[in-house]
Amino acid sequence: QVPLVESGGGLVQAGGSLRLSCGASGSISSISTVGWYHRPPGKQRELVGKITSDGITMYADSVKGRFTISRDSAKNTVYLEMNSLKPEDTGVYYCSKIVFGYPVGSWGQGTPVTVSS
């Protein structure tokens, strides 16, 4: 199991941008599908989007047109580019390997994002 580590979160004003990174200590090429998840304060974790090994992406309706997921196998990293951020995007963001549509393995620490209005 290749552990994944999230980074890049921070405080940003509404309308701003952030780029989150999901790094792997081993080869991320061995992970077919990687997903990004968002846990708003006091709520359950939800899927933001995912990317397959072929670069096919899927996004939740709430972030379509604003968020972009990409992967760089040479850097063993999957990115979540977040633009036009809204206060409701506030929360902790996690990445995970996805198998048969479900996240597998242990969750990491996540990276917190706060969007101020």
Protein backbone atom coordinates (compact mmCIF):
# COMPACT_ATOMS: atom_id res chain seq x y z
CA GLN A 1 0.00 0.00 0.00
CA VAL A 2 1.50 3.31 -1.09
CA PRO A 3 0.70 5.93 1.54
CA LEU A 4 -0.60 9.24 0.26
CA VAL A 5 0.13 12.59 1.86
CA GLU A 6 -1.87 15.75 1.26
CA SER A 7 -0.44 19.28 1.30
CA GLY A 8 -1.03 22.77 -0.01
CA GLY A 9 -4.02 23.92 1.99
CA GLY A 10 -4.35 27.34 3.57
CA LEU A 11 -6.43 30.46 4.04
CA VAL A 12 -7.73 32.22 0.95
CA GLN A 13 -10.37 34.81 0.17
CA ALA A 14 -13.49 33.92 -1.75
CA GLY A 15 -12.75 33.94 -5.45
CA GLY A 16 -9.15 32.93 -4.88
CA SER A 17 -7.24 29.82 -5.85
CA LEU A 18 -5.25 27.05 -4.26
CA ARG A 19 -3.43 24.00 -5.56
CA LEU A 20 -3.40 20.92 -3.37
CA SER A 21 -0.94 18.09 -3.80
CA CYS A 22 -1.31 14.40 -3.07
CA GLY A 23 2.13 12.87 -2.84
CA ALA A 24 3.12 9.23 -2.79
CA SER A 25 6.29 7.84 -1.29
CA GLY A 26 6.23 5.11 -3.89
CA SER A 27 5.16 5.15 -7.49
CA ILE A 28 1.74 6.72 -7.95
CA SER A 29 1.66 5.06 -11.35
CA SER A 30 0.78 1.87 -9.52
CA ILE A 31 -2.41 3.47 -8.25
CA SER A 32 -5.08 3.25 -10.92
CA THR A 33 -7.55 5.81 -9.62
CA VAL A 34 -6.95 8.58 -7.10
CA GLY A 35 -9.74 10.61 -5.61
CA TRP A 36 -9.93 13.90 -3.73
CA TYR A 37 -12.39 14.19 -0.86
CA HIS A 38 -13.71 17.18 1.08
CA ARG A 39 -14.91 17.12 4.66
CA PRO A 40 -16.73 20.35 5.52
CA PRO A 41 -16.77 21.34 9.22
CA GLY A 42 -19.19 19.12 11.11
CA LYS A 43 -20.15 17.13 8.04
CA GLN A 44 -19.20 13.88 6.38
CA ARG A 45 -16.47 13.44 3.85
CA GLU A 46 -17.60 13.68 0.23
CA LEU A 47 -15.97 12.94 -3.08
CA VAL A 48 -14.81 16.03 -4.95
CA GLY A 49 -13.44 14.24 -7.97
CA LYS A 50 -11.14 11.52 -9.20
CA ILE A 51 -8.64 10.73 -11.91
CA THR A 52 -7.80 7.40 -13.52
CA SER A 53 -4.39 6.21 -14.64
CA ASP A 54 -5.41 7.22 -18.18
CA GLY A 55 -6.12 10.76 -17.02
CA ILE A 56 -9.89 10.50 -17.19
CA THR A 57 -11.47 12.79 -14.62
CA MET A 58 -14.83 13.01 -12.93
CA TYR A 59 -16.08 15.83 -10.70
CA ALA A 60 -18.89 16.47 -8.28
CA ASP A 61 -21.45 18.93 -9.63
CA SER A 62 -20.54 21.45 -6.94
CA VAL A 63 -17.01 21.88 -8.26
CA LYS A 64 -17.40 21.35 -12.01
CA GLY A 65 -15.77 24.17 -13.94
CA ARG A 66 -13.89 25.37 -10.84
CA PHE A 67 -11.70 22.43 -9.81
CA THR A 68 -9.27 20.44 -11.93
CA ILE A 69 -7.51 17.20 -11.03
CA SER A 70 -4.29 16.20 -12.74
CA ARG A 71 -1.51 13.71 -12.12
CA ASP A 72 2.23 13.82 -12.69
CA SER A 73 3.61 10.30 -12.55
CA ALA A 74 7.19 11.55 -12.81
CA LYS A 75 6.67 13.45 -9.55
CA ASN A 76 4.45 10.78 -7.99
CA THR A 77 1.86 13.46 -7.36
CA VAL A 78 -1.82 14.11 -8.02
CA TYR A 79 -2.97 17.72 -7.93
CA LEU A 80 -6.26 19.44 -7.15
CA GLU A 81 -6.36 22.89 -8.67
CA MET A 82 -9.13 24.90 -7.01
CA ASN A 83 -10.30 28.17 -8.56
CA SER A 84 -13.16 30.56 -7.81
CA LEU A 85 -13.20 29.28 -4.26
CA LYS A 86 -16.33 29.75 -2.18
CA PRO A 87 -16.79 29.76 1.60
CA GLU A 88 -18.58 26.40 1.30
CA ASP A 89 -15.34 24.91 -0.02
CA THR A 90 -13.91 25.31 3.48
CA GLY A 91 -12.90 22.08 5.16
CA VAL A 92 -10.24 19.41 5.16
CA TYR A 93 -9.23 17.81 1.88
CA TYR A 94 -8.01 14.25 1.59
CA CYS A 95 -6.80 12.04 -1.22
CA SER A 96 -7.19 8.31 -1.49
CA LYS A 97 -6.78 5.38 -3.78
CA ILE A 98 -10.17 4.35 -5.16
CA VAL A 99 -11.05 0.76 -5.93
CA PHE A 100 -14.44 -0.20 -7.36
CA GLY A 101 -15.65 3.29 -6.51
CA TYR A 102 -14.64 3.24 -2.86
CA PRO A 103 -11.69 4.79 -1.03
CA VAL A 104 -9.31 2.19 0.33
CA GLY A 105 -6.56 2.29 2.92
CA SER A 106 -6.17 4.60 5.88
CA TRP A 107 -6.99 8.28 5.63
CA GLY A 108 -4.09 10.69 5.98
CA GLN A 109 -4.05 13.91 7.97
CA GLY A 110 -5.60 15.82 5.12
CA THR A 111 -4.86 19.44 4.36
CA PRO A 112 -7.14 22.21 5.67
CA VAL A 113 -8.63 24.87 3.43
CA THR A 114 -10.38 27.97 4.74
CA VAL A 115 -12.16 30.30 2.35
CA SER A 116 -13.13 33.62 3.88
CA SER A 117 -16.04 35.65 2.56
